[in-house]
Amino acid sequence: MSLIQTTPLKRVCILATEGVFASTLMQAKDFFHMASLRYGKQLGLGFTAAFEISLVSPDAQPVKSFSNVMITSEAGLGDAELIILPAFWDDFDALKKRYPQILDWLRQQHAKGSLICGEATGVFWMAEAGLLDGKEATTYWRFFSEFKQRFPKVLLNQDKHLSDADNLFCAGGVTSASDLYIYLIERFCGPSVAQGVARDILFELQRSYSPGRIGFGGQKQHHDVIILQIQQWLEEHFAEKFRFEDVAREHGMSIRNFMRRFQGATGDKPLHYLQRLRIETAKGLLSATRKSIKTISYEVGYDDASFFARLFRQHTELSPNQYRRQFQHKDGPA
């Protein structure tokens, strides 16, 4: 199943404000510039960028980063299919007062369908704009307490390094942001480009957490509380052996009613949803660990590695070994 976004990616905006961590800003710039070059080559444009990546500031003026590096803004706030909010080190109240236009910009862009991503303190901008009210979010662990006090309506998940809900993505730090950017590149440009960027940029990235799953947040924007509870249960127990009949009965439904309600709420049949959870987890394990295919198959819930491999190919058009090799094989930048 392809993750390519139906809306083509024309522009990525990366927000620059006073006190921004230049490393997190340039992290996003490098990831998406590499993706733009690779995607351009895939589209037959040669070594030419396929979409624009702009460093933007609220007043289109240069800003001084946390480490006193002057960052030149390439434009003011404008339209983009994807907006990146890097981490900053500054008093957030002072930043809000200095840049009041940021909040309206984020609300307007989100209403138009833009994807918005925050890294660490960058998530504060989305929360302050009210976009995360009633939705799951995360941030860097040092800011959990302040975040909870400032934004009590946001469902802060302290156990996750990545979250997504309603085209709003949160990354706790640099490593999880790398995983997020690879996911978004795959969504907009396809798996080949994403895996190429991972080979070019990630090098020997070491995670302190298990690779997570993103891409399911959009399927939680419904009001069926029982189905939401079942989705959460599936995310925690996806590798276990169970029957959907038992899940339905435990939640007071017949299997027929459960199947109808689940697909109506999420757009997916329960089995397909479960398979995607398992395959997305397997993709993270294949790219980030050296575990055998058989071990990964077992860890995501399949005793039969051959069946797992066939299912993996159905979802990704690649075998598990092919998927892993695309991350591990070294080649040129495009």
C-alpha atoms as a PDB file:
ATOM      1  CA  MET A   1       0.000   0.000   0.000  1.00  0.00           C
ATOM      2  CA  SER A   2       1.524   3.304  -1.106  1.00  0.00           C
ATOM      3  CA  LEU A   3       1.795   6.213   1.300  1.00  0.00           C
ATOM      4  CA  ILE A   4       2.330   8.810  -1.442  1.00  0.00           C
ATOM      5  CA  GLN A   5       0.371  11.970  -0.697  1.00  0.00           C
ATOM      6  CA  THR A   6      -2.286  12.822  -3.283  1.00  0.00           C
ATOM      7  CA  THR A   7      -1.506  16.551  -2.959  1.00  0.00           C
ATOM      8  CA  PRO A   8       1.909  17.179  -4.547  1.00  0.00           C
ATOM      9  CA  LEU A   9       4.569  18.741  -2.351  1.00  0.00           C
ATOM     10  CA  LYS A  10       5.470  22.144  -3.772  1.00  0.00           C
ATOM     11  CA  ARG A  11       6.840  23.966  -0.740  1.00  0.00           C
ATOM     12  CA  VAL A  12       8.201  23.204   2.728  1.00  0.00           C
ATOM     13  CA  CYS A  13       8.407  26.126   5.177  1.00  0.00           C
ATOM     14  CA  ILE A  14      10.809  25.884   8.134  1.00  0.00           C
ATOM     15  CA  LEU A  15      10.147  28.516  10.801  1.00  0.00           C
ATOM     16  CA  ALA A  16      13.078  30.599  12.054  1.00  0.00           C
ATOM     17  CA  THR A  17      12.622  32.677  15.212  1.00  0.00           C
ATOM     18  CA  GLU A  18      14.946  34.267  17.722  1.00  0.00           C
ATOM     19  CA  GLY A  19      16.547  31.605  19.904  1.00  0.00           C
ATOM     20  CA  VAL A  20      15.957  28.773  17.433  1.00  0.00           C
ATOM     21  CA  PHE A  21      18.293  25.813  17.693  1.00  0.00           C
ATOM     22  CA  ALA A  22      20.080  26.136  14.362  1.00  0.00           C
ATOM     23  CA  SER A  23      20.873  22.416  14.387  1.00  0.00           C
ATOM     24  CA  THR A  24      17.181  21.450  14.414  1.00  0.00           C
ATOM     25  CA  LEU A  25      16.370  24.004  11.718  1.00  0.00           C
ATOM     26  CA  MET A  26      19.160  22.790   9.432  1.00  0.00           C
ATOM     27  CA  GLN A  27      18.311  19.178  10.233  1.00  0.00           C
ATOM     28  CA  ALA A  28      14.942  19.702   8.543  1.00  0.00           C
ATOM     29  CA  LYS A  29      16.499  21.736   5.727  1.00  0.00           C
ATOM     30  CA  ASP A  30      19.028  19.020   4.887  1.00  0.00           C
ATOM     31  CA  PHE A  31      16.532  16.154   5.026  1.00  0.00           C
ATOM     32  CA  PHE A  32      14.037  17.797   2.701  1.00  0.00           C
ATOM     33  CA  HIS A  33      16.669  19.287   0.374  1.00  0.00           C
ATOM     34  CA  MET A  34      18.092  15.802  -0.138  1.00  0.00           C
ATOM     35  CA  ALA A  35      14.574  14.487  -0.696  1.00  0.00           C
ATOM     36  CA  SER A  36      13.851  17.246  -3.212  1.00  0.00           C
ATOM     37  CA  LEU A  37      16.984  16.384  -5.209  1.00  0.00           C
ATOM     38  CA  ARG A  38      16.277  12.665  -5.157  1.00  0.00           C
ATOM     39  CA  TYR A  39      12.629  13.179  -6.070  1.00  0.00           C
ATOM     40  CA  GLY A  40      13.656  15.475  -8.914  1.00  0.00           C
ATOM     41  CA  LYS A  41      15.880  12.771 -10.330  1.00  0.00           C
ATOM     42  CA  GLN A  42      13.087  10.226  -9.977  1.00  0.00           C
ATOM     43  CA  LEU A  43      10.765  12.551 -11.910  1.00  0.00           C
ATOM     44  CA  GLY A  44      13.309  12.888 -14.718  1.00  0.00           C
ATOM     45  CA  LEU A  45      14.439  16.416 -13.811  1.00  0.00           C
ATOM     46  CA  GLY A  46      18.067  15.483 -13.340  1.00  0.00           C
ATOM     47  CA  PHE A  47      19.904  16.768 -10.285  1.00  0.00           C
ATOM     48  CA  THR A  48      17.284  19.509  -9.821  1.00  0.00           C
ATOM     49  CA  ALA A  49      15.138  20.173  -6.757  1.00  0.00           C
ATOM     50  CA  ALA A  50      11.539  19.014  -7.247  1.00  0.00           C
ATOM     51  CA  PHE A  51      10.073  21.274  -4.564  1.00  0.00           C
ATOM     52  CA  GLU A  52      11.024  24.386  -2.595  1.00  0.00           C
ATOM     53  CA  ILE A  53      12.359  24.399   0.966  1.00  0.00           C
ATOM     54  CA  SER A  54      12.189  27.880   2.526  1.00  0.00           C
ATOM     55  CA  LEU A  55      13.542  29.199   5.807  1.00  0.00           C
ATOM     56  CA  VAL A  56      10.827  31.671   6.842  1.00  0.00           C
ATOM     57  CA  SER A  57      10.612  34.218   9.643  1.00  0.00           C
ATOM     58  CA  PRO A  58       7.519  36.176  10.699  1.00  0.00           C
ATOM     59  CA  ASP A  59       8.883  39.481   9.366  1.00  0.00           C
ATOM     60  CA  ALA A  60      11.174  38.024   6.678  1.00  0.00           C
ATOM     61  CA  GLN A  61      14.161  39.376   8.624  1.00  0.00           C
ATOM     62  CA  PRO A  62      17.269  37.493   9.806  1.00  0.00           C
ATOM     63  CA  VAL A  63      17.103  35.932  13.271  1.00  0.00           C
ATOM     64  CA  LYS A  64      19.775  35.136  15.834  1.00  0.00           C
ATOM     65  CA  SER A  65      19.889  31.489  16.820  1.00  0.00           C
ATOM     66  CA  PHE A  66      20.462  30.112  20.309  1.00  0.00           C
ATOM     67  CA  SER A  67      24.202  29.908  19.575  1.00  0.00           C
ATOM     68  CA  ASN A  68      24.294  33.484  18.174  1.00  0.00           C
ATOM     69  CA  VAL A  69      24.442  32.412  14.542  1.00  0.00           C
ATOM     70  CA  MET A  70      22.584  34.817  12.256  1.00  0.00           C
ATOM     71  CA  ILE A  71      20.119  32.905  10.092  1.00  0.00           C
ATOM     72  CA  THR A  72      18.950  34.595   6.927  1.00  0.00           C
ATOM     73  CA  SER A  73      15.251  34.283   6.240  1.00  0.00           C
ATOM     74  CA  GLU A  74      14.395  33.420   2.650  1.00  0.00           C
ATOM     75  CA  ALA A  75      10.787  34.636   2.906  1.00  0.00           C
ATOM     76  CA  GLY A  76       8.007  35.675   5.232  1.00  0.00           C
ATOM     77  CA  LEU A  77       5.172  33.447   6.371  1.00  0.00           C
ATOM     78  CA  GLY A  78       3.249  31.993   3.440  1.00  0.00           C
ATOM     79  CA  ASP A  79       1.465  28.979   2.014  1.00  0.00           C
ATOM     80  CA  ALA A  80       3.072  25.553   2.199  1.00  0.00           C
ATOM     81  CA  GLU A  81       1.989  21.944   2.076  1.00  0.00           C
ATOM     82  CA  LEU A  82       4.369  21.166   4.941  1.00  0.00           C
ATOM     83  CA  ILE A  83       5.459  23.399   7.854  1.00  0.00           C
ATOM     84  CA  ILE A  84       8.317  22.534  10.225  1.00  0.00           C
ATOM     85  CA  LEU A  85       8.569  24.166  13.662  1.00  0.00           C
ATOM     86  CA  PRO A  86      12.129  23.601  14.974  1.00  0.00           C
ATOM     87  CA  ALA A  87      13.090  23.645  18.630  1.00  0.00           C
ATOM     88  CA  PHE A  88      13.961  26.947  20.296  1.00  0.00           C
ATOM     89  CA  TRP A  89      15.568  28.049  23.551  1.00  0.00           C
ATOM     90  CA  ASP A  90      13.852  31.200  24.714  1.00  0.00           C
ATOM     91  CA  ASP A  91      11.015  32.443  26.861  1.00  0.00           C
ATOM     92  CA  PHE A  92       7.887  31.300  25.047  1.00  0.00           C
ATOM     93  CA  ASP A  93       5.754  34.171  26.342  1.00  0.00           C
ATOM     94  CA  ALA A  94       8.300  36.644  24.988  1.00  0.00           C
ATOM     95  CA  LEU A  95       8.311  34.864  21.615  1.00  0.00           C
ATOM     96  CA  LYS A  96       4.504  34.957  21.430  1.00  0.00           C
ATOM     97  CA  LYS A  97       4.534  38.680  22.137  1.00  0.00           C
ATOM     98  CA  ARG A  98       7.245  39.293  19.568  1.00  0.00           C
ATOM     99  CA  TYR A  99       5.642  37.114  16.858  1.00  0.00           C
ATOM    100  CA  PRO A 100       1.840  37.226  17.275  1.00  0.00           C
ATOM    101  CA  GLN A 101       1.345  36.488  13.569  1.00  0.00           C
ATOM    102  CA  ILE A 102       2.672  32.929  13.880  1.00  0.00           C
ATOM    103  CA  LEU A 103      -0.457  31.576  15.588  1.00  0.00           C
ATOM    104  CA  ASP A 104      -2.901  32.876  12.979  1.00  0.00           C
ATOM    105  CA  TRP A 105      -0.597  31.608  10.226  1.00  0.00           C
ATOM    106  CA  LEU A 106      -0.607  28.100  11.673  1.00  0.00           C
ATOM    107  CA  ARG A 107      -4.395  28.082  12.085  1.00  0.00           C
ATOM    108  CA  GLN A 108      -4.928  29.269   8.524  1.00  0.00           C
ATOM    109  CA  GLN A 109      -2.459  26.817   7.020  1.00  0.00           C
ATOM    110  CA  HIS A 110      -3.876  23.875   8.957  1.00  0.00           C
ATOM    111  CA  ALA A 111      -7.391  24.818   7.831  1.00  0.00           C
ATOM    112  CA  LYS A 112      -6.115  24.708   4.240  1.00  0.00           C
ATOM    113  CA  GLY A 113      -4.813  21.171   4.735  1.00  0.00           C
ATOM    114  CA  SER A 114      -1.136  21.804   5.492  1.00  0.00           C
ATOM    115  CA  LEU A 115       0.791  19.246   7.506  1.00  0.00           C
ATOM    116  CA  ILE A 116       2.470  20.851  10.530  1.00  0.00           C
ATOM    117  CA  CYS A 117       5.382  19.286  12.441  1.00  0.00           C
ATOM    118  CA  GLY A 118       6.901  20.451  15.712  1.00  0.00           C
ATOM    119  CA  GLU A 119      10.166  19.282  17.246  1.00  0.00           C
ATOM    120  CA  ALA A 120      10.562  19.521  21.055  1.00  0.00           C
ATOM    121  CA  THR A 121       9.624  23.109  22.051  1.00  0.00           C
ATOM    122  CA  GLY A 122       8.424  23.723  18.498  1.00  0.00           C
ATOM    123  CA  VAL A 123       5.306  21.775  19.523  1.00  0.00           C
ATOM    124  CA  PHE A 124       4.384  24.704  21.821  1.00  0.00           C
ATOM    125  CA  TRP A 125       3.413  26.792  18.779  1.00  0.00           C
ATOM    126  CA  MET A 126       0.821  24.235  17.638  1.00  0.00           C
ATOM    127  CA  ALA A 127      -0.566  23.879  21.144  1.00  0.00           C
ATOM    128  CA  GLU A 128      -0.776  27.650  21.691  1.00  0.00           C
ATOM    129  CA  ALA A 129      -2.672  27.977  18.408  1.00  0.00           C
ATOM    130  CA  GLY A 130      -5.281  25.572  19.805  1.00  0.00           C
ATOM    131  CA  LEU A 131      -4.642  23.014  17.079  1.00  0.00           C
ATOM    132  CA  LEU A 132      -3.794  20.228  19.529  1.00  0.00           C
ATOM    133  CA  ASP A 133      -6.762  20.625  21.878  1.00  0.00           C
ATOM    134  CA  GLY A 134      -8.264  17.203  22.532  1.00  0.00           C
ATOM    135  CA  LYS A 135      -5.510  15.532  20.509  1.00  0.00           C
ATOM    136  CA  GLU A 136      -2.478  13.453  21.385  1.00  0.00           C
ATOM    137  CA  ALA A 137       0.896  15.195  21.416  1.00  0.00           C
ATOM    138  CA  THR A 138       4.396  14.819  22.784  1.00  0.00           C
ATOM    139  CA  THR A 139       7.462  17.000  23.344  1.00  0.00           C
ATOM    140  CA  TYR A 140      10.934  16.769  24.855  1.00  0.00           C
ATOM    141  CA  TRP A 141      10.846  15.226  28.337  1.00  0.00           C
ATOM    142  CA  ARG A 142      12.324  18.292  30.061  1.00  0.00           C
ATOM    143  CA  PHE A 143       9.271  20.318  29.057  1.00  0.00           C
ATOM    144  CA  PHE A 144       6.528  17.858  30.067  1.00  0.00           C
ATOM    145  CA  SER A 145       5.628  19.737  33.254  1.00  0.00           C
ATOM    146  CA  GLU A 146       5.498  23.181  31.632  1.00  0.00           C
ATOM    147  CA  PHE A 147       3.582  21.806  28.661  1.00  0.00           C
ATOM    148  CA  LYS A 148       0.922  20.207  30.869  1.00  0.00           C
ATOM    149  CA  GLN A 149       0.471  23.426  32.828  1.00  0.00           C
ATOM    150  CA  ARG A 150       0.212  25.608  29.743  1.00  0.00           C
ATOM    151  CA  PHE A 151      -1.963  23.312  27.657  1.00  0.00           C
ATOM    152  CA  PRO A 152      -4.280  21.227  29.850  1.00  0.00           C
ATOM    153  CA  LYS A 153      -6.604  20.500  26.899  1.00  0.00           C
ATOM    154  CA  VAL A 154      -3.852  18.698  24.985  1.00  0.00           C
ATOM    155  CA  LEU A 155      -3.502  14.945  25.529  1.00  0.00           C
ATOM    156  CA  LEU A 156       0.210  14.843  26.340  1.00  0.00           C
ATOM    157  CA  ASN A 157       1.621  11.331  25.939  1.00  0.00           C
ATOM    158  CA  GLN A 158       4.851  11.103  27.916  1.00  0.00           C
ATOM    159  CA  ASP A 159       5.528   7.560  26.712  1.00  0.00           C
ATOM    160  CA  LYS A 160       5.766   8.425  23.029  1.00  0.00           C
ATOM    161  CA  HIS A 161       8.610  10.023  21.096  1.00  0.00           C
ATOM    162  CA  LEU A 162       6.365  10.627  18.086  1.00  0.00           C
ATOM    163  CA  SER A 163       2.693  11.435  17.729  1.00  0.00           C
ATOM    164  CA  ASP A 164       0.344  12.341  14.924  1.00  0.00           C
ATOM    165  CA  ALA A 165      -3.230  13.571  14.862  1.00  0.00           C
ATOM    166  CA  ASP A 166      -5.166  15.452  12.180  1.00  0.00           C
ATOM    167  CA  ASN A 167      -2.071  16.305  10.078  1.00  0.00           C
ATOM    168  CA  LEU A 168      -0.269  17.541  13.216  1.00  0.00           C
ATOM    169  CA  PHE A 169       2.977  15.738  14.013  1.00  0.00           C
ATOM    170  CA  CYS A 170       5.086  16.002  17.173  1.00  0.00           C
ATOM    171  CA  ALA A 171       8.661  14.773  17.699  1.00  0.00           C
ATOM    172  CA  GLY A 172      10.304  14.736  21.101  1.00  0.00           C
ATOM    173  CA  GLY A 173      13.829  15.424  19.885  1.00  0.00           C
ATOM    174  CA  VAL A 174      16.442  15.176  17.156  1.00  0.00           C
ATOM    175  CA  THR A 175      16.357  11.399  16.689  1.00  0.00           C
ATOM    176  CA  SER A 176      12.575  11.116  16.622  1.00  0.00           C
ATOM    177  CA  ALA A 177      12.430  14.106  14.255  1.00  0.00           C
ATOM    178  CA  SER A 178      14.700  12.167  11.892  1.00  0.00           C
ATOM    179  CA  ASP A 179      12.251   9.278  11.927  1.00  0.00           C
ATOM    180  CA  LEU A 180       9.370  11.694  11.354  1.00  0.00           C
ATOM    181  CA  TYR A 181      11.026  13.368   8.373  1.00  0.00           C
ATOM    182  CA  ILE A 182      11.739  10.007   6.745  1.00  0.00           C
ATOM    183  CA  TYR A 183       8.077   9.075   7.215  1.00  0.00           C
ATOM    184  CA  LEU A 184       6.902  12.349   5.662  1.00  0.00           C
ATOM    185  CA  ILE A 185       9.319  12.024   2.757  1.00  0.00           C
ATOM    186  CA  GLU A 186       7.933   8.546   2.108  1.00  0.00           C
ATOM    187  CA  ARG A 187       4.398   9.945   2.294  1.00  0.00           C
ATOM    188  CA  PHE A 188       5.048  12.713  -0.237  1.00  0.00           C
ATOM    189  CA  CYS A 189       7.798  11.226  -2.414  1.00  0.00           C
ATOM    190  CA  GLY A 190       7.526   7.464  -2.047  1.00  0.00           C
ATOM    191  CA  PRO A 191       9.588   4.739  -0.316  1.00  0.00           C
ATOM    192  CA  SER A 192      12.524   4.761  -2.729  1.00  0.00           C
ATOM    193  CA  VAL A 193      13.266   8.443  -2.093  1.00  0.00           C
ATOM    194  CA  ALA A 194      12.751   8.038   1.665  1.00  0.00           C
ATOM    195  CA  GLN A 195      15.095   5.082   1.905  1.00  0.00           C
ATOM    196  CA  GLY A 196      17.701   6.918  -0.170  1.00  0.00           C
ATOM    197  CA  VAL A 197      17.576   9.913   2.154  1.00  0.00           C
ATOM    198  CA  ALA A 198      17.885   7.595   5.153  1.00  0.00           C
ATOM    199  CA  ARG A 199      21.045   6.083   3.671  1.00  0.00           C
ATOM    200  CA  ASP A 200      22.503   9.501   2.866  1.00  0.00           C
ATOM    201  CA  ILE A 201      21.822  11.259   6.151  1.00  0.00           C
ATOM    202  CA  LEU A 202      21.077   8.960   9.076  1.00  0.00           C
ATOM    203  CA  PHE A 203      24.517   7.284   9.136  1.00  0.00           C
ATOM    204  CA  GLU A 204      24.875   5.474  12.487  1.00  0.00           C
ATOM    205  CA  LEU A 205      21.869   6.917  14.245  1.00  0.00           C
ATOM    206  CA  GLN A 206      21.275   5.210  17.590  1.00  0.00           C
ATOM    207  CA  ARG A 207      17.762   5.304  19.055  1.00  0.00           C
ATOM    208  CA  SER A 208      17.133   5.200  22.787  1.00  0.00           C
ATOM    209  CA  TYR A 209      13.584   4.028  22.093  1.00  0.00           C
ATOM    210  CA  SER A 210      11.849   1.348  20.074  1.00  0.00           C
ATOM    211  CA  PRO A 211      10.926   2.522  16.585  1.00  0.00           C
ATOM    212  CA  GLY A 212       7.317   3.602  16.774  1.00  0.00           C
ATOM    213  CA  ARG A 213       4.444   3.786  14.358  1.00  0.00           C
ATOM    214  CA  ILE A 214       3.048   6.948  12.855  1.00  0.00           C
ATOM    215  CA  GLY A 215       0.465   7.429  10.172  1.00  0.00           C
ATOM    216  CA  PHE A 216      -2.559   6.274  12.153  1.00  0.00           C
ATOM    217  CA  GLY A 217      -3.471   9.602  13.756  1.00  0.00           C
ATOM    218  CA  GLY A 218      -5.800  10.593  10.949  1.00  0.00           C
ATOM    219  CA  GLN A 219      -7.869   7.482  11.630  1.00  0.00           C
ATOM    220  CA  LYS A 220      -8.592   8.630  15.167  1.00  0.00           C
ATOM    221  CA  GLN A 221     -10.443  11.804  14.208  1.00  0.00           C
ATOM    222  CA  HIS A 222     -13.855  10.314  14.903  1.00  0.00           C
ATOM    223  CA  HIS A 223     -16.213  10.306  17.877  1.00  0.00           C
ATOM    224  CA  ASP A 224     -16.738   6.593  18.474  1.00  0.00           C
ATOM    225  CA  VAL A 225     -15.214   6.283  21.936  1.00  0.00           C
ATOM    226  CA  ILE A 226     -15.432   2.481  21.984  1.00  0.00           C
ATOM    227  CA  ILE A 227     -13.568   2.172  18.691  1.00  0.00           C
ATOM    228  CA  LEU A 228     -10.918   4.624  19.922  1.00  0.00           C
ATOM    229  CA  GLN A 229     -10.422   2.405  22.972  1.00  0.00           C
ATOM    230  CA  ILE A 230     -10.057  -0.631  20.716  1.00  0.00           C
ATOM    231  CA  GLN A 231      -7.536   1.204  18.500  1.00  0.00           C
ATOM    232  CA  GLN A 232      -5.474   2.018  21.596  1.00  0.00           C
ATOM    233  CA  TRP A 233      -5.703  -1.612  22.741  1.00  0.00           C
ATOM    234  CA  LEU A 234      -4.545  -2.823  19.325  1.00  0.00           C
ATOM    235  CA  GLU A 235      -1.526  -0.502  19.418  1.00  0.00           C
ATOM    236  CA  GLU A 236      -0.494  -2.035  22.739  1.00  0.00           C
ATOM    237  CA  HIS A 237      -1.340  -5.682  21.993  1.00  0.00           C
ATOM    238  CA  PHE A 238      -0.870  -5.955  18.214  1.00  0.00           C
ATOM    239  CA  ALA A 239       1.749  -8.729  18.525  1.00  0.00           C
ATOM    240  CA  GLU A 240      -0.431 -10.961  20.695  1.00  0.00           C
ATOM    241  CA  LYS A 241      -2.726 -13.757  19.566  1.00  0.00           C
ATOM    242  CA  PHE A 242      -6.402 -12.847  19.891  1.00  0.00           C
ATOM    243  CA  ARG A 243      -9.690 -13.090  18.062  1.00  0.00           C
ATOM    244  CA  PHE A 244     -11.672 -10.053  16.973  1.00  0.00           C
ATOM    245  CA  GLU A 245     -14.791 -11.871  18.123  1.00  0.00           C
ATOM    246  CA  ASP A 246     -13.433 -11.753  21.686  1.00  0.00           C
ATOM    247  CA  VAL A 247     -12.447  -8.091  21.361  1.00  0.00           C
ATOM    248  CA  ALA A 248     -15.940  -7.250  20.160  1.00  0.00           C
ATOM    249  CA  ARG A 249     -17.638  -9.215  22.950  1.00  0.00           C
ATOM    250  CA  GLU A 250     -15.460  -7.577  25.624  1.00  0.00           C
ATOM    251  CA  HIS A 251     -16.671  -4.198  24.357  1.00  0.00           C
ATOM    252  CA  GLY A 252     -20.338  -5.200  24.277  1.00  0.00           C
ATOM    253  CA  MET A 253     -20.695  -5.726  20.534  1.00  0.00           C
ATOM    254  CA  SER A 254     -21.441  -8.540  18.162  1.00  0.00           C
ATOM    255  CA  ILE A 255     -18.684  -9.247  15.658  1.00  0.00           C
ATOM    256  CA  ARG A 256     -20.887  -7.938  12.838  1.00  0.00           C
ATOM    257  CA  ASN A 257     -21.589  -4.663  14.644  1.00  0.00           C
ATOM    258  CA  PHE A 258     -17.925  -4.316  15.570  1.00  0.00           C
ATOM    259  CA  MET A 259     -16.768  -4.782  11.967  1.00  0.00           C
ATOM    260  CA  ARG A 260     -19.265  -2.211  10.726  1.00  0.00           C
ATOM    261  CA  ARG A 261     -18.443   0.370  13.418  1.00  0.00           C
ATOM    262  CA  PHE A 262     -14.672  -0.051  13.113  1.00  0.00           C
ATOM    263  CA  GLN A 263     -14.624   0.407   9.349  1.00  0.00           C
ATOM    264  CA  GLY A 264     -17.104   3.284   9.540  1.00  0.00           C
ATOM    265  CA  ALA A 265     -14.943   5.121  12.100  1.00  0.00           C
ATOM    266  CA  THR A 266     -11.442   4.412  10.751  1.00  0.00           C
ATOM    267  CA  GLY A 267     -11.998   3.650   7.071  1.00  0.00           C
ATOM    268  CA  ASP A 268     -10.174   0.331   7.526  1.00  0.00           C
ATOM    269  CA  LYS A 269     -11.348  -3.202   8.203  1.00  0.00           C
ATOM    270  CA  PRO A 270      -9.996  -4.392  11.599  1.00  0.00           C
ATOM    271  CA  LEU A 271      -7.721  -7.043  10.094  1.00  0.00           C
ATOM    272  CA  HIS A 272      -6.183  -4.610   7.607  1.00  0.00           C
ATOM    273  CA  TYR A 273      -5.642  -2.070  10.397  1.00  0.00           C
ATOM    274  CA  LEU A 274      -3.915  -4.723  12.512  1.00  0.00           C
ATOM    275  CA  GLN A 275      -1.740  -5.792   9.581  1.00  0.00           C
ATOM    276  CA  ARG A 276      -0.661  -2.190   9.010  1.00  0.00           C
ATOM    277  CA  LEU A 277       0.268  -1.814  12.688  1.00  0.00           C
ATOM    278  CA  ARG A 278       2.416  -4.910  12.433  1.00  0.00           C
ATOM    279  CA  ILE A 279       4.008  -3.987   9.107  1.00  0.00           C
ATOM    280  CA  GLU A 280       4.826  -0.414  10.196  1.00  0.00           C
ATOM    281  CA  THR A 281       6.470  -1.797  13.335  1.00  0.00           C
ATOM    282  CA  ALA A 282       8.400  -4.311  11.237  1.00  0.00           C
ATOM    283  CA  LYS A 283       9.615  -1.538   8.920  1.00  0.00           C
ATOM    284  CA  GLY A 284      11.112   0.281  11.900  1.00  0.00           C
ATOM    285  CA  LEU A 285      12.805  -2.871  13.147  1.00  0.00           C
ATOM    286  CA  LEU A 286      14.187  -3.702   9.703  1.00  0.00           C
ATOM    287  CA  SER A 287      15.712  -0.267   9.240  1.00  0.00           C
ATOM    288  CA  ALA A 288      16.959   0.267  12.802  1.00  0.00           C
ATOM    289  CA  THR A 289      18.088  -3.188  14.005  1.00  0.00           C
ATOM    290  CA  ARG A 290      20.004  -6.231  12.788  1.00  0.00           C
ATOM    291  CA  LYS A 291      17.410  -8.699  14.008  1.00  0.00           C
ATOM    292  CA  SER A 292      16.664 -11.599  11.685  1.00  0.00           C
ATOM    293  CA  ILE A 293      13.519 -11.622   9.544  1.00  0.00           C
ATOM    294  CA  LYS A 294      12.263 -14.605  11.535  1.00  0.00           C
ATOM    295  CA  THR A 295      12.751 -12.765  14.831  1.00  0.00           C
ATOM    296  CA  ILE A 296      11.030  -9.626  13.557  1.00  0.00           C
ATOM    297  CA  SER A 297       8.179 -11.711  12.176  1.00  0.00           C
ATOM    298  CA  TYR A 298       7.660 -13.281  15.597  1.00  0.00           C
ATOM    299  CA  GLU A 299       7.963  -9.949  17.434  1.00  0.00           C
ATOM    300  CA  VAL A 300       5.209  -8.334  15.369  1.00  0.00           C
ATOM    301  CA  GLY A 301       2.836 -11.276  15.757  1.00  0.00           C
ATOM    302  CA  TYR A 302       3.537 -13.791  12.966  1.00  0.00           C
ATOM    303  CA  ASP A 303       4.901 -17.274  13.738  1.00  0.00           C
ATOM    304  CA  ASP A 304       5.234 -18.053  10.032  1.00  0.00           C
ATOM    305  CA  ALA A 305       8.054 -15.949   8.574  1.00  0.00           C
ATOM    306  CA  SER A 306       7.075 -16.895   5.011  1.00  0.00           C
ATOM    307  CA  PHE A 307       3.540 -15.606   5.533  1.00  0.00           C
ATOM    308  CA  PHE A 308       4.954 -12.434   7.114  1.00  0.00           C
ATOM    309  CA  ALA A 309       7.229 -11.898   4.102  1.00  0.00           C
ATOM    310  CA  ARG A 310       4.327 -12.291   1.659  1.00  0.00           C
ATOM    311  CA  LEU A 311       2.196  -9.873   3.670  1.00  0.00           C
ATOM    312  CA  PHE A 312       5.071  -7.392   3.912  1.00  0.00           C
ATOM    313  CA  ARG A 313       5.449  -7.432   0.121  1.00  0.00           C
ATOM    314  CA  GLN A 314       1.700  -6.854  -0.327  1.00  0.00           C
ATOM    315  CA  HIS A 315       1.907  -3.710   1.818  1.00  0.00           C
ATOM    316  CA  THR A 316       5.239  -2.321   0.615  1.00  0.00           C
ATOM    317  CA  GLU A 317       5.926  -3.969  -2.791  1.00  0.00           C
ATOM    318  CA  LEU A 318       9.267  -5.086  -1.350  1.00  0.00           C
ATOM    319  CA  SER A 319      10.416  -8.188   0.502  1.00  0.00           C
ATOM    320  CA  PRO A 320      11.687  -7.613   4.068  1.00  0.00           C
ATOM    321  CA  ASN A 321      15.265  -8.192   2.877  1.00  0.00           C
ATOM    322  CA  GLN A 322      14.855  -5.766  -0.029  1.00  0.00           C
ATOM    323  CA  TYR A 323      13.435  -3.155   2.317  1.00  0.00           C
ATOM    324  CA  ARG A 324      16.355  -3.577   4.718  1.00  0.00           C
ATOM    325  CA  ARG A 325      18.973  -3.488   1.948  1.00  0.00           C
ATOM    326  CA  GLN A 326      17.655  -0.167   0.656  1.00  0.00           C
ATOM    327  CA  PHE A 327      18.522   1.338   4.021  1.00  0.00           C
ATOM    328  CA  GLN A 328      21.855  -0.428   4.484  1.00  0.00           C
ATOM    329  CA  HIS A 329      23.338  -0.317   0.969  1.00  0.00           C
ATOM    330  CA  LYS A 330      25.670   2.630   0.433  1.00  0.00           C
ATOM    331  CA  ASP A 331      25.521   4.656  -2.750  1.00  0.00           C
ATOM    332  CA  GLY A 332      25.806   8.215  -3.988  1.00  0.00           C
ATOM    333  CA  PRO A 333      23.563  11.085  -2.926  1.00  0.00           C
ATOM    334  CA  ALA A 334      21.103  10.682  -5.805  1.00  0.00           C
END
